[in-house]
N, C-alpha and C. Protein backbone atom coordinates (compact mmCIF):
# COMPACT_ATOMS: atom_id res chain seq x y z
N MET A 1 0.84 -1.17 0.00
CA MET A 1 0.00 0.00 0.00
C MET A 1 0.89 1.24 0.00
N LYS A 2 0.54 2.21 -0.81
CA LYS A 2 1.30 3.45 -0.89
C LYS A 2 1.12 4.25 0.40
N PRO A 3 2.14 5.00 0.79
CA PRO A 3 2.04 5.75 2.05
C PRO A 3 1.02 6.89 2.00
N THR A 4 0.60 7.32 0.81
CA THR A 4 -0.36 8.42 0.73
C THR A 4 -1.81 7.96 0.74
N ILE A 5 -2.07 6.66 0.70
CA ILE A 5 -3.45 6.16 0.68
C ILE A 5 -4.23 6.57 1.94
N PRO A 6 -3.69 6.40 3.15
CA PRO A 6 -4.44 6.87 4.33
C PRO A 6 -4.71 8.36 4.30
N LEU A 7 -3.77 9.14 3.76
CA LEU A 7 -3.95 10.58 3.66
C LEU A 7 -5.08 10.91 2.68
N LYS A 8 -5.15 10.19 1.58
CA LYS A 8 -6.23 10.41 0.59
C LYS A 8 -7.58 10.03 1.18
N LEU A 9 -7.63 8.93 1.91
CA LEU A 9 -8.89 8.52 2.54
C LEU A 9 -9.33 9.52 3.60
N SER A 10 -8.37 10.06 4.35
CA SER A 10 -8.74 11.06 5.35
C SER A 10 -9.19 12.36 4.69
N ALA A 11 -8.65 12.69 3.52
CA ALA A 11 -9.10 13.88 2.79
C ALA A 11 -10.53 13.69 2.30
N ILE A 12 -10.88 12.48 1.88
CA ILE A 12 -12.26 12.19 1.47
C ILE A 12 -13.19 12.31 2.67
N ALA A 13 -12.77 11.76 3.81
CA ALA A 13 -13.59 11.86 5.02
C ALA A 13 -13.75 13.32 5.44
N PHE A 14 -12.68 14.11 5.35
CA PHE A 14 -12.77 15.53 5.67
C PHE A 14 -13.76 16.22 4.75
N THR A 15 -13.72 15.92 3.46
CA THR A 15 -14.64 16.53 2.50
C THR A 15 -16.09 16.22 2.83
N VAL A 16 -16.37 14.96 3.12
CA VAL A 16 -17.74 14.55 3.43
C VAL A 16 -18.22 15.19 4.73
N LEU A 17 -17.38 15.15 5.75
CA LEU A 17 -17.78 15.72 7.04
C LEU A 17 -17.93 17.24 6.96
N TRP A 18 -17.02 17.92 6.27
CA TRP A 18 -17.11 19.37 6.14
C TRP A 18 -18.35 19.77 5.36
N SER A 19 -18.62 19.09 4.24
CA SER A 19 -19.80 19.41 3.44
C SER A 19 -21.08 19.14 4.22
N GLY A 20 -21.12 18.01 4.92
CA GLY A 20 -22.29 17.69 5.73
C GLY A 20 -22.52 18.69 6.84
N TRP A 21 -21.44 19.11 7.49
CA TRP A 21 -21.55 20.09 8.56
C TRP A 21 -22.07 21.42 8.03
N MET A 22 -21.54 21.87 6.89
CA MET A 22 -21.97 23.13 6.31
C MET A 22 -23.44 23.07 5.87
N LEU A 23 -23.84 21.93 5.35
CA LEU A 23 -25.23 21.75 4.94
C LEU A 23 -26.15 21.76 6.16
N TRP A 24 -25.73 21.09 7.22
CA TRP A 24 -26.53 21.02 8.43
C TRP A 24 -26.62 22.39 9.11
N MET A 25 -25.50 23.11 9.15
CA MET A 25 -25.49 24.42 9.79
C MET A 25 -26.26 25.46 8.97
N GLY A 26 -26.28 25.30 7.65
CA GLY A 26 -26.99 26.25 6.81
C GLY A 26 -28.49 26.11 6.93
N GLY A 27 -28.96 24.90 7.09
CA GLY A 27 -30.38 24.66 7.27
C GLY A 27 -31.21 24.73 6.00
N SER A 28 -30.61 25.10 4.89
CA SER A 28 -31.34 25.20 3.63
C SER A 28 -30.94 24.02 2.75
N TYR A 29 -31.93 23.31 2.22
CA TYR A 29 -31.66 22.12 1.43
C TYR A 29 -32.08 22.30 -0.03
N GLU A 30 -31.88 23.50 -0.56
CA GLU A 30 -32.19 23.75 -1.96
C GLU A 30 -31.09 23.14 -2.83
N PRO A 31 -31.45 22.70 -4.05
CA PRO A 31 -30.46 22.06 -4.92
C PRO A 31 -29.23 22.94 -5.21
N ALA A 32 -29.42 24.22 -5.39
CA ALA A 32 -28.28 25.10 -5.68
C ALA A 32 -27.31 25.15 -4.50
N ILE A 33 -27.84 25.20 -3.30
CA ILE A 33 -27.00 25.22 -2.10
C ILE A 33 -26.22 23.92 -1.97
N ILE A 34 -26.88 22.80 -2.23
CA ILE A 34 -26.22 21.50 -2.14
C ILE A 34 -25.09 21.39 -3.16
N ILE A 35 -25.33 21.86 -4.38
CA ILE A 35 -24.30 21.81 -5.42
C ILE A 35 -23.12 22.70 -5.06
N ILE A 36 -23.41 23.91 -4.60
CA ILE A 36 -22.33 24.83 -4.21
C ILE A 36 -21.52 24.25 -3.06
N LEU A 37 -22.18 23.68 -2.07
CA LEU A 37 -21.46 23.10 -0.94
C LEU A 37 -20.65 21.88 -1.37
N ALA A 38 -21.15 21.10 -2.33
CA ALA A 38 -20.39 19.96 -2.82
C ALA A 38 -19.12 20.42 -3.53
N ILE A 39 -19.23 21.48 -4.33
CA ILE A 39 -18.06 22.01 -5.04
C ILE A 39 -17.05 22.60 -4.06
N VAL A 40 -17.53 23.42 -3.14
CA VAL A 40 -16.64 24.04 -2.17
C VAL A 40 -16.04 22.98 -1.24
N GLY A 41 -16.81 21.97 -0.89
CA GLY A 41 -16.28 20.88 -0.06
C GLY A 41 -15.19 20.11 -0.78
N SER A 42 -15.35 19.90 -2.08
CA SER A 42 -14.31 19.21 -2.85
C SER A 42 -13.03 20.04 -2.90
N ILE A 43 -13.18 21.33 -3.08
CA ILE A 43 -12.01 22.21 -3.09
C ILE A 43 -11.34 22.20 -1.71
N ALA A 44 -12.13 22.27 -0.66
CA ALA A 44 -11.58 22.26 0.70
C ALA A 44 -10.85 20.93 0.98
N GLY A 45 -11.43 19.82 0.54
CA GLY A 45 -10.78 18.52 0.73
C GLY A 45 -9.47 18.42 -0.03
N PHE A 46 -9.44 18.93 -1.26
CA PHE A 46 -8.22 18.91 -2.05
C PHE A 46 -7.14 19.77 -1.41
N LEU A 47 -7.52 20.96 -0.97
CA LEU A 47 -6.54 21.83 -0.31
C LEU A 47 -6.06 21.22 1.00
N TRP A 48 -6.94 20.57 1.74
CA TRP A 48 -6.55 19.91 2.99
C TRP A 48 -5.53 18.81 2.70
N TYR A 49 -5.78 18.03 1.64
CA TYR A 49 -4.85 16.97 1.26
C TYR A 49 -3.48 17.54 0.91
N ARG A 50 -3.46 18.60 0.09
CA ARG A 50 -2.18 19.19 -0.32
C ARG A 50 -1.40 19.76 0.87
N VAL A 51 -2.09 20.45 1.77
CA VAL A 51 -1.42 21.03 2.93
C VAL A 51 -0.91 19.95 3.87
N MET A 52 -1.72 18.93 4.12
CA MET A 52 -1.29 17.86 5.02
C MET A 52 -0.15 17.05 4.40
N ARG A 53 -0.18 16.83 3.10
CA ARG A 53 0.92 16.11 2.44
C ARG A 53 2.20 16.92 2.57
N TRP A 54 2.13 18.24 2.40
CA TRP A 54 3.30 19.09 2.54
C TRP A 54 3.82 19.05 3.98
N CYS A 55 2.90 19.13 4.95
CA CYS A 55 3.31 19.09 6.37
C CYS A 55 3.94 17.75 6.73
N PHE A 56 3.35 16.66 6.27
CA PHE A 56 3.89 15.34 6.59
C PHE A 56 5.25 15.12 5.95
N ARG A 57 5.46 15.63 4.75
CA ARG A 57 6.78 15.53 4.13
C ARG A 57 7.79 16.40 4.86
N LEU A 58 7.35 17.55 5.34
CA LEU A 58 8.23 18.43 6.10
C LEU A 58 8.67 17.76 7.40
N MET A 59 7.77 16.98 8.02
CA MET A 59 8.08 16.27 9.26
C MET A 59 8.70 14.90 9.00
N HIS A 60 8.95 14.57 7.72
CA HIS A 60 9.54 13.29 7.30
C HIS A 60 8.66 12.09 7.65
N LEU A 61 7.34 12.28 7.64
CA LEU A 61 6.42 11.18 7.84
C LEU A 61 6.01 10.53 6.52
N LEU A 62 6.25 11.24 5.42
CA LEU A 62 6.03 10.70 4.08
C LEU A 62 7.34 10.79 3.32
N PRO A 63 7.59 9.83 2.42
CA PRO A 63 8.84 9.91 1.65
C PRO A 63 8.80 11.08 0.67
N ASP A 64 9.95 11.65 0.42
CA ASP A 64 10.08 12.72 -0.56
C ASP A 64 10.08 12.09 -1.95
N MET A 65 9.16 12.49 -2.80
CA MET A 65 9.03 11.87 -4.11
C MET A 65 10.22 12.18 -5.02
N SER A 66 10.96 13.24 -4.76
CA SER A 66 12.09 13.58 -5.63
C SER A 66 13.31 12.69 -5.35
N THR A 67 13.31 11.97 -4.22
CA THR A 67 14.47 11.12 -3.90
C THR A 67 14.10 9.64 -3.89
N GLY A 68 12.89 9.30 -4.33
CA GLY A 68 12.45 7.91 -4.32
C GLY A 68 13.10 7.10 -5.42
N PRO A 69 12.89 5.77 -5.42
CA PRO A 69 13.52 4.90 -6.42
C PRO A 69 13.02 5.16 -7.84
N SER A 70 11.82 5.75 -7.98
CA SER A 70 11.30 5.99 -9.33
C SER A 70 11.65 7.36 -9.86
N ALA A 71 12.41 8.13 -9.10
CA ALA A 71 12.77 9.49 -9.54
C ALA A 71 13.84 9.40 -10.63
N ALA A 72 13.67 10.20 -11.67
CA ALA A 72 14.64 10.25 -12.75
C ALA A 72 15.81 11.15 -12.34
N HIS A 73 17.02 10.65 -12.47
CA HIS A 73 18.21 11.43 -12.08
C HIS A 73 18.91 11.92 -13.30
């Protein structure tokens, strides 16, 4: 299993929980609101993944892709 798989799964969970929370807190269940929250939730999940991947590489919890065995030298 790749080391980034748990991070990707946690980003999906963050997206679902964040979107659900925003929908619940908004109280409006109109289709336009649901679509907007789904789009914004996807963006938030992607940004969360990128930031956490950067932080984990900075803390050496994930391998650096530029020095891995598949990196072209």
